[in-house]
């Protein structure tokens, strides 16, 4: 985003409204206050209760229905989790190899490809969600909010209820499509939160920058505050990354993932030490795992060297026939040889 785009976005968020033009006419979408949101949520609950016995697909049954229709497979969720993990690891690699242009280019290409694959899968589910009862209720809820917050010439454009008004629905959908073009992405929020124009406001009064109760500020204002606080924690971190990392959303996420993994490992080690003090100085940690997630959590307690030793042991055991004694393991053999060499040197 250039400076002009940043300035326009900032003043839009500060104003608490969206101004846009459709067919040469000016419209204003105001922020919904908590009264409007409360009424919309009551409407949502009312629809769920009134239609619960009707012939609707429920959100909880969405995946089985999509599988029956051939839009989803029983392995799709595993593919989604694998892609999410791959994306996370590629962001970490982007951060770790940020000083190597060729490596960075390859990682970024792979990251974008994985992201596209994941979005294609998730979009199928998102598109089908509108066919569920919950999806229908959400659309009515959002319709109510827009009808009560969209103005032209200081007058509301629509009544609260568009039912049985086909002309209004066509007009309404055209305006919704125009509004959607102005949705602020998380990337735009991050660009604004880093920019000096916003930070000059932010540093003046972080605690009450919008001079209003937290329940009265808009969703965009609340998001900008949260993103700004996130950047504050990055800037103030004792191992704060370089400006190059901070200015690159994917690299910064990679750095944050690394920090989170360090913190999670420290917490897990502390918890394991409290449960069994004997494991505190262990070279490798072996615990029973009930699932893949537990296995990964246990393996994270081991250093890179320990993970290598574990894998070496497993490969050795798998290649043997019959029971394997501890003394036969490769790392144990190395330790015995090293001790023997040390003893031999000390005798000279």
Protein backbone atom coordinates (compact mmCIF):
# COMPACT_ATOMS: atom_id res chain seq x y z
CA UNK A 1 0.00 0.00 0.00
CA UNK A 2 1.26 3.48 -0.85
CA UNK A 3 0.98 6.48 1.47
CA UNK A 4 -2.23 7.77 -0.17
CA UNK A 5 -3.94 4.38 0.28
CA UNK A 6 -2.75 4.21 3.88
CA UNK A 7 -4.11 7.69 4.59
CA UNK A 8 -7.50 6.89 3.01
CA UNK A 9 -7.77 3.64 4.98
CA UNK A 10 -6.78 5.29 8.25
CA UNK A 11 -9.34 8.08 8.04
CA UNK A 12 -12.03 5.60 7.02
CA UNK A 13 -11.35 3.57 10.17
CA UNK A 14 -11.12 6.66 12.36
CA UNK A 15 -14.46 7.93 11.00
CA UNK A 16 -16.16 4.64 11.85
CA UNK A 17 -18.01 4.41 8.53
CA UNK A 18 -17.60 3.37 4.89
CA UNK A 19 -18.43 5.88 2.16
CA UNK A 20 -18.77 4.46 -1.35
CA UNK A 21 -20.38 5.29 -4.68
CA UNK A 22 -22.74 3.20 -6.76
CA UNK A 23 -24.01 4.40 -10.15
CA UNK A 24 -22.79 7.88 -9.34
CA UNK A 25 -24.67 8.11 -6.04
CA UNK A 26 -23.06 8.37 -2.60
CA UNK A 27 -23.80 5.80 0.11
CA UNK A 28 -22.74 5.57 3.71
CA UNK A 29 -22.46 2.32 5.68
CA UNK A 30 -22.39 3.11 9.39
CA UNK A 31 -21.08 0.79 12.09
CA UNK A 32 -23.72 -1.34 13.78
CA UNK A 33 -24.02 -0.57 17.49
CA UNK A 34 -24.60 -3.30 20.07
CA UNK A 35 -28.38 -2.72 20.01
CA UNK A 36 -28.56 -3.55 16.30
CA UNK A 37 -26.23 -6.51 16.79
CA UNK A 38 -28.36 -7.76 19.66
CA UNK A 39 -31.53 -7.54 17.56
CA UNK A 40 -29.78 -9.34 14.70
CA UNK A 41 -28.65 -12.15 17.02
CA UNK A 42 -32.21 -12.51 18.34
CA UNK A 43 -33.35 -12.83 14.74
CA UNK A 44 -30.70 -15.50 14.10
CA UNK A 45 -31.84 -17.53 17.13
CA UNK A 46 -35.49 -17.12 16.11
CA UNK A 47 -34.83 -18.58 12.65
CA UNK A 48 -32.97 -21.56 14.12
CA UNK A 49 -35.83 -22.30 16.49
CA UNK A 50 -38.61 -21.83 13.91
CA UNK A 51 -36.90 -23.86 11.19
CA UNK A 52 -35.27 -26.60 13.26
CA UNK A 53 -37.81 -29.23 12.15
CA UNK A 54 -37.88 -28.11 8.52
CA UNK A 55 -36.03 -29.90 5.72
CA UNK A 56 -32.70 -28.11 6.20
CA UNK A 57 -29.12 -29.39 6.19
CA UNK A 58 -27.59 -28.61 9.57
CA UNK A 59 -24.04 -27.34 9.85
CA UNK A 60 -23.03 -30.31 12.00
CA UNK A 61 -24.08 -32.64 9.14
CA UNK A 62 -22.35 -30.60 6.43
CA UNK A 63 -19.30 -32.84 5.91
CA UNK A 64 -21.24 -36.15 5.65
CA UNK A 65 -23.59 -34.55 3.10
CA UNK A 66 -20.67 -33.21 1.06
CA UNK A 67 -19.05 -36.65 1.12
CA UNK A 68 -22.28 -38.23 -0.18
CA UNK A 69 -22.42 -35.62 -2.96
CA UNK A 70 -18.80 -36.25 -3.92
CA UNK A 71 -17.72 -32.73 -2.90
CA UNK A 72 -15.55 -33.95 -0.01
CA UNK A 73 -13.69 -37.15 0.88
CA UNK A 74 -12.97 -38.88 4.15
CA UNK A 75 -9.31 -37.96 3.71
CA UNK A 76 -9.94 -34.26 3.03
CA UNK A 77 -9.57 -33.13 6.65
CA UNK A 78 -6.20 -34.90 6.85
CA UNK A 79 -5.17 -33.09 3.65
CA UNK A 80 -6.29 -29.79 5.21
CA UNK A 81 -4.28 -30.41 8.39
CA UNK A 82 -1.23 -31.45 6.37
CA UNK A 83 -1.46 -28.31 4.24
CA UNK A 84 -1.88 -26.11 7.33
CA UNK A 85 1.21 -27.71 8.88
CA UNK A 86 3.15 -27.33 5.63
CA UNK A 87 2.19 -23.65 5.38
CA UNK A 88 3.29 -23.10 8.98
CA UNK A 89 6.66 -24.78 8.36
CA UNK A 90 7.21 -22.84 5.12
CA UNK A 91 6.65 -19.57 6.99
CA UNK A 92 9.26 -20.68 9.53
CA UNK A 93 11.67 -21.47 6.67
CA UNK A 94 11.00 -18.05 5.13
CA UNK A 95 12.07 -16.48 8.41
CA UNK A 96 15.07 -18.73 9.00
CA UNK A 97 16.44 -18.36 5.45
CA UNK A 98 15.52 -14.70 4.93
CA UNK A 99 19.19 -13.89 4.23
CA UNK A 100 19.32 -16.36 1.31
CA UNK A 101 17.46 -14.91 -1.73
CA UNK A 102 17.28 -18.16 -3.71
CA UNK A 103 16.00 -20.11 -0.71
CA UNK A 104 13.51 -17.36 0.07
CA UNK A 105 12.19 -17.39 -3.49
CA UNK A 106 11.68 -21.17 -3.45
CA UNK A 107 9.99 -21.13 -0.03
CA UNK A 108 7.68 -18.28 -1.02
CA UNK A 109 6.67 -20.06 -4.23
CA UNK A 110 5.91 -23.27 -2.32
CA UNK A 111 4.03 -21.28 0.34
CA UNK A 112 1.80 -19.58 -2.23
CA UNK A 113 1.07 -22.90 -3.96
CA UNK A 114 0.13 -24.56 -0.66
CA UNK A 115 -2.03 -21.59 0.28
CA UNK A 116 -3.92 -21.79 -3.02
CA UNK A 117 -4.50 -25.53 -2.54
CA UNK A 118 -5.81 -25.01 0.99
CA UNK A 119 -8.12 -22.15 -0.06
CA UNK A 120 -9.57 -24.22 -2.90
CA UNK A 121 -10.52 -26.97 -0.46
CA UNK A 122 -11.89 -24.67 2.25
CA UNK A 123 -13.85 -22.58 -0.26
CA UNK A 124 -15.88 -25.68 -1.20
CA UNK A 125 -17.01 -26.01 2.40
CA UNK A 126 -17.59 -22.26 2.77
CA UNK A 127 -19.68 -22.09 -0.42
CA UNK A 128 -21.83 -25.04 0.67
CA UNK A 129 -22.35 -23.56 4.15
CA UNK A 130 -24.96 -21.14 2.75
CA UNK A 131 -27.17 -24.18 2.03
CA UNK A 132 -27.40 -25.05 5.72
CA UNK A 133 -29.92 -23.70 8.20
CA UNK A 134 -27.15 -21.89 10.07
CA UNK A 135 -25.90 -20.37 6.81
CA UNK A 136 -29.38 -19.14 5.97
CA UNK A 137 -29.81 -17.66 9.47
CA UNK A 138 -26.44 -15.86 9.16
CA UNK A 139 -27.50 -14.33 5.83
CA UNK A 140 -30.74 -13.01 7.37
CA UNK A 141 -28.81 -11.71 10.36
CA UNK A 142 -26.34 -9.84 8.13
CA UNK A 143 -29.17 -8.55 5.96
CA UNK A 144 -30.81 -7.04 9.04
CA UNK A 145 -27.57 -5.30 10.04
CA UNK A 146 -27.02 -3.80 6.58
CA UNK A 147 -30.64 -2.65 6.29
CA UNK A 148 -30.29 -0.78 9.58
CA UNK A 149 -26.88 0.81 8.85
CA UNK A 150 -26.90 1.71 5.12
CA UNK A 151 -27.82 5.34 4.33
CA UNK A 152 -28.19 7.63 1.32
CA UNK A 153 -28.87 11.35 1.74
CA UNK A 154 -29.05 10.77 5.53
CA UNK A 155 -31.96 8.33 5.11
CA UNK A 156 -31.97 4.56 5.43
CA UNK A 157 -31.92 2.91 2.02
CA UNK A 158 -33.92 -0.21 3.00
CA UNK A 159 -36.60 -1.19 5.49
CA UNK A 160 -35.61 -3.72 8.13
CA UNK A 161 -37.39 -6.54 6.26
CA UNK A 162 -36.82 -7.16 2.55
CA UNK A 163 -39.07 -10.23 2.38
CA UNK A 164 -41.41 -10.42 -0.62
CA UNK A 165 -39.74 -7.44 -2.31
CA UNK A 166 -37.89 -8.78 -5.36
CA UNK A 167 -36.86 -5.34 -6.67
CA UNK A 168 -35.34 -4.43 -3.32
CA UNK A 169 -33.45 -7.72 -3.17
CA UNK A 170 -31.85 -7.12 -6.57
CA UNK A 171 -30.87 -3.60 -5.55
CA UNK A 172 -29.77 -4.87 -2.14
CA UNK A 173 -27.50 -7.57 -3.62
CA UNK A 174 -25.90 -5.06 -6.00
CA UNK A 175 -25.02 -2.82 -3.07
CA UNK A 176 -23.74 -5.77 -1.00
CA UNK A 177 -21.39 -6.69 -3.85
CA UNK A 178 -20.13 -3.11 -3.89
CA UNK A 179 -19.64 -3.10 -0.11
CA UNK A 180 -17.71 -6.38 -0.29
CA UNK A 181 -15.21 -4.75 -2.66
CA UNK A 182 -14.18 -2.49 0.23
CA UNK A 183 -13.57 -5.24 2.80
CA UNK A 184 -10.32 -4.58 4.68
CA UNK A 185 -7.97 -7.58 4.59
CA UNK A 186 -5.76 -8.56 7.52
CA UNK A 187 -2.77 -7.66 5.33
CA UNK A 188 -4.08 -4.11 5.00
CA UNK A 189 -4.59 -3.86 8.76
CA UNK A 190 -0.98 -4.97 9.26
CA UNK A 191 0.37 -2.46 6.74
CA UNK A 192 -1.55 0.33 8.46
CA UNK A 193 -0.49 -0.79 11.96
CA UNK A 194 3.19 -0.56 10.92
CA UNK A 195 2.90 2.80 9.19
CA UNK A 196 4.21 5.90 10.94
CA UNK A 197 1.04 7.88 10.18
CA UNK A 198 -1.03 5.55 12.33
CA UNK A 199 1.67 4.95 14.92
CA UNK A 200 1.91 8.71 15.51
CA UNK A 201 -1.71 8.49 16.70
CA UNK A 202 -1.18 5.17 18.49
CA UNK A 203 1.77 6.31 20.59
CA UNK A 204 -0.10 9.40 21.81
CA UNK A 205 -2.82 7.48 23.65
CA UNK A 206 -2.84 3.71 23.32
CA UNK A 207 -5.27 3.17 26.17
CA UNK A 208 -8.10 5.31 24.78
CA UNK A 209 -7.22 6.20 21.24
CA UNK A 210 -10.81 6.35 20.00
CA UNK A 211 -12.11 8.19 23.10
CA UNK A 212 -15.06 5.85 23.48
CA UNK A 213 -16.14 2.79 25.43
CA UNK A 214 -14.74 -0.43 23.97
CA UNK A 215 -18.30 -1.64 23.27
CA UNK A 216 -18.95 1.40 21.06
CA UNK A 217 -15.90 1.23 18.80
CA UNK A 218 -16.25 -0.40 15.39
CA UNK A 219 -15.01 -3.85 14.38
CA UNK A 220 -12.33 -2.24 12.20
CA UNK A 221 -11.14 -0.04 15.06
CA UNK A 222 -10.95 -3.01 17.42
CA UNK A 223 -9.03 -5.04 14.84
CA UNK A 224 -6.56 -2.20 14.29
CA UNK A 225 -5.98 -1.94 18.05
CA UNK A 226 -5.34 -5.67 18.37
CA UNK A 227 -2.96 -5.74 15.41
CA UNK A 228 -1.12 -2.68 16.76
CA UNK A 229 -0.69 -4.36 20.14
CA UNK A 230 0.67 -7.42 18.36
CA UNK A 231 3.32 -5.27 16.67
CA UNK A 232 4.14 -3.61 20.00
CA UNK A 233 4.91 -7.03 21.46
CA UNK A 234 7.17 -7.77 18.48
CA UNK A 235 9.05 -4.45 18.71
CA UNK A 236 9.50 -4.86 22.48
CA UNK A 237 10.58 -8.51 22.33
CA UNK A 238 14.15 -9.15 23.60
CA UNK A 239 14.80 -11.12 20.38
CA UNK A 240 12.95 -8.68 18.11
CA UNK A 241 13.48 -9.46 14.41
CA UNK A 242 14.88 -7.03 11.84
CA UNK A 243 12.71 -4.49 10.00
CA UNK A 244 12.88 -6.71 6.91
CA UNK A 245 11.22 -9.53 8.86
CA UNK A 246 8.66 -7.25 10.50
CA UNK A 247 7.64 -5.70 7.16
CA UNK A 248 7.07 -9.11 5.58
CA UNK A 249 3.83 -10.67 6.90
CA UNK A 250 4.79 -14.28 6.16
CA UNK A 251 8.32 -13.94 7.54
CA UNK A 252 7.00 -12.30 10.69
CA UNK A 253 4.47 -15.10 11.15
CA UNK A 254 7.37 -17.52 10.78
CA UNK A 255 9.25 -15.70 13.54
CA UNK A 256 6.15 -15.75 15.76
CA UNK A 257 5.69 -19.49 15.15
CA UNK A 258 9.30 -20.07 16.22
CA UNK A 259 8.72 -18.06 19.42
CA UNK A 260 5.48 -19.94 20.12
CA UNK A 261 7.17 -23.30 19.64
CA UNK A 262 9.96 -22.29 22.03
CA UNK A 263 7.40 -21.25 24.64
CA UNK A 264 5.35 -24.44 24.14
CA UNK A 265 8.47 -26.60 24.44
CA UNK A 266 9.49 -24.85 27.67
CA UNK A 267 5.99 -25.34 29.12
CA UNK A 268 5.94 -29.01 28.12
CA UNK A 269 9.39 -29.62 29.59
CA UNK A 270 8.34 -28.00 32.85
CA UNK A 271 5.15 -30.07 32.97
CA UNK A 272 7.04 -33.30 32.25
CA UNK A 273 9.69 -32.46 34.87
CA UNK A 274 6.97 -31.89 37.45
CA UNK A 275 5.34 -35.21 36.60
CA UNK A 276 8.61 -37.16 36.55
CA UNK A 277 11.78 -35.42 37.82
CA UNK A 278 13.87 -38.33 36.50
CA UNK A 279 13.32 -37.08 32.95
CA UNK A 280 14.88 -33.69 33.67
CA UNK A 281 18.38 -34.53 32.41
CA UNK A 282 17.44 -37.33 30.03
CA UNK A 283 19.19 -37.49 26.67
CA UNK A 284 15.95 -38.53 24.98
CA UNK A 285 12.33 -38.43 26.16
CA UNK A 286 10.12 -41.48 25.49
CA UNK A 287 6.45 -41.32 26.49
CA UNK A 288 3.34 -43.13 25.29
CA UNK A 289 1.42 -41.20 22.62
CA UNK A 290 -2.27 -41.77 21.94
CA UNK A 291 -2.41 -39.90 18.63
CA UNK A 292 -0.33 -38.01 16.06
CA UNK A 293 -0.73 -34.70 17.87
CA UNK A 294 0.51 -36.19 21.15
CA UNK A 295 3.42 -37.81 19.31
CA UNK A 296 4.49 -34.46 17.83
CA UNK A 297 4.16 -32.77 21.23
CA UNK A 298 6.38 -35.42 22.86
CA UNK A 299 8.95 -35.26 20.07
CA UNK A 300 9.15 -31.49 20.48
CA UNK A 301 10.64 -32.09 23.94
CA UNK A 302 13.75 -33.52 22.26
CA UNK A 303 16.57 -31.52 20.74
CA UNK A 304 17.63 -32.00 17.13
CA UNK A 305 20.44 -34.31 18.26
CA UNK A 306 18.07 -36.33 20.41
CA UNK A 307 15.60 -36.70 17.55
CA UNK A 308 18.43 -38.01 15.36
CA UNK A 309 19.41 -40.53 18.05
CA UNK A 310 15.80 -41.70 18.39
CA UNK A 311 15.40 -42.11 14.63
CA UNK A 312 18.73 -43.94 14.46
CA UNK A 313 17.58 -46.35 17.16
CA UNK A 314 14.24 -46.98 15.47
CA UNK A 315 15.91 -47.65 12.09
CA UNK A 316 18.34 -50.09 13.75
CA UNK A 317 15.57 -51.93 15.59
CA UNK A 318 13.38 -52.18 12.49
CA UNK A 319 16.24 -53.74 10.52
CA UNK A 320 16.91 -56.44 13.13
CA UNK A 321 15.23 -59.79 13.54
CA UNK A 322 14.18 -60.66 17.05
CA UNK A 323 14.79 -58.78 20.33
CA UNK A 324 17.46 -56.05 20.53
CA UNK A 325 19.48 -55.50 23.70
CA UNK A 326 20.16 -51.96 24.84
CA UNK A 327 23.92 -52.49 24.51
CA UNK A 328 23.50 -53.25 20.80
CA UNK A 329 22.03 -49.84 19.97
CA UNK A 330 24.29 -47.61 17.81
CA UNK A 331 24.46 -44.67 20.22
CA UNK A 332 25.19 -47.00 23.14
CA UNK A 333 28.00 -48.63 21.12
CA UNK A 334 29.43 -45.17 20.39
CA UNK A 335 29.30 -44.20 24.07
CA UNK A 336 31.12 -47.44 25.03
CA UNK A 337 33.76 -46.84 22.36
CA UNK A 338 34.26 -43.23 23.46
CA UNK A 339 34.67 -44.25 27.10
CA UNK A 340 37.16 -46.95 26.09
CA UNK A 341 39.22 -44.48 24.07
CA UNK A 342 39.19 -42.01 26.97
CA UNK A 343 40.36 -44.68 29.41
CA UNK A 344 43.11 -45.76 27.00
CA UNK A 345 44.37 -42.18 26.66
CA UNK A 346 44.40 -41.69 30.41
CA UNK A 347 46.61 -44.72 30.85
CA UNK A 348 49.40 -43.27 28.74
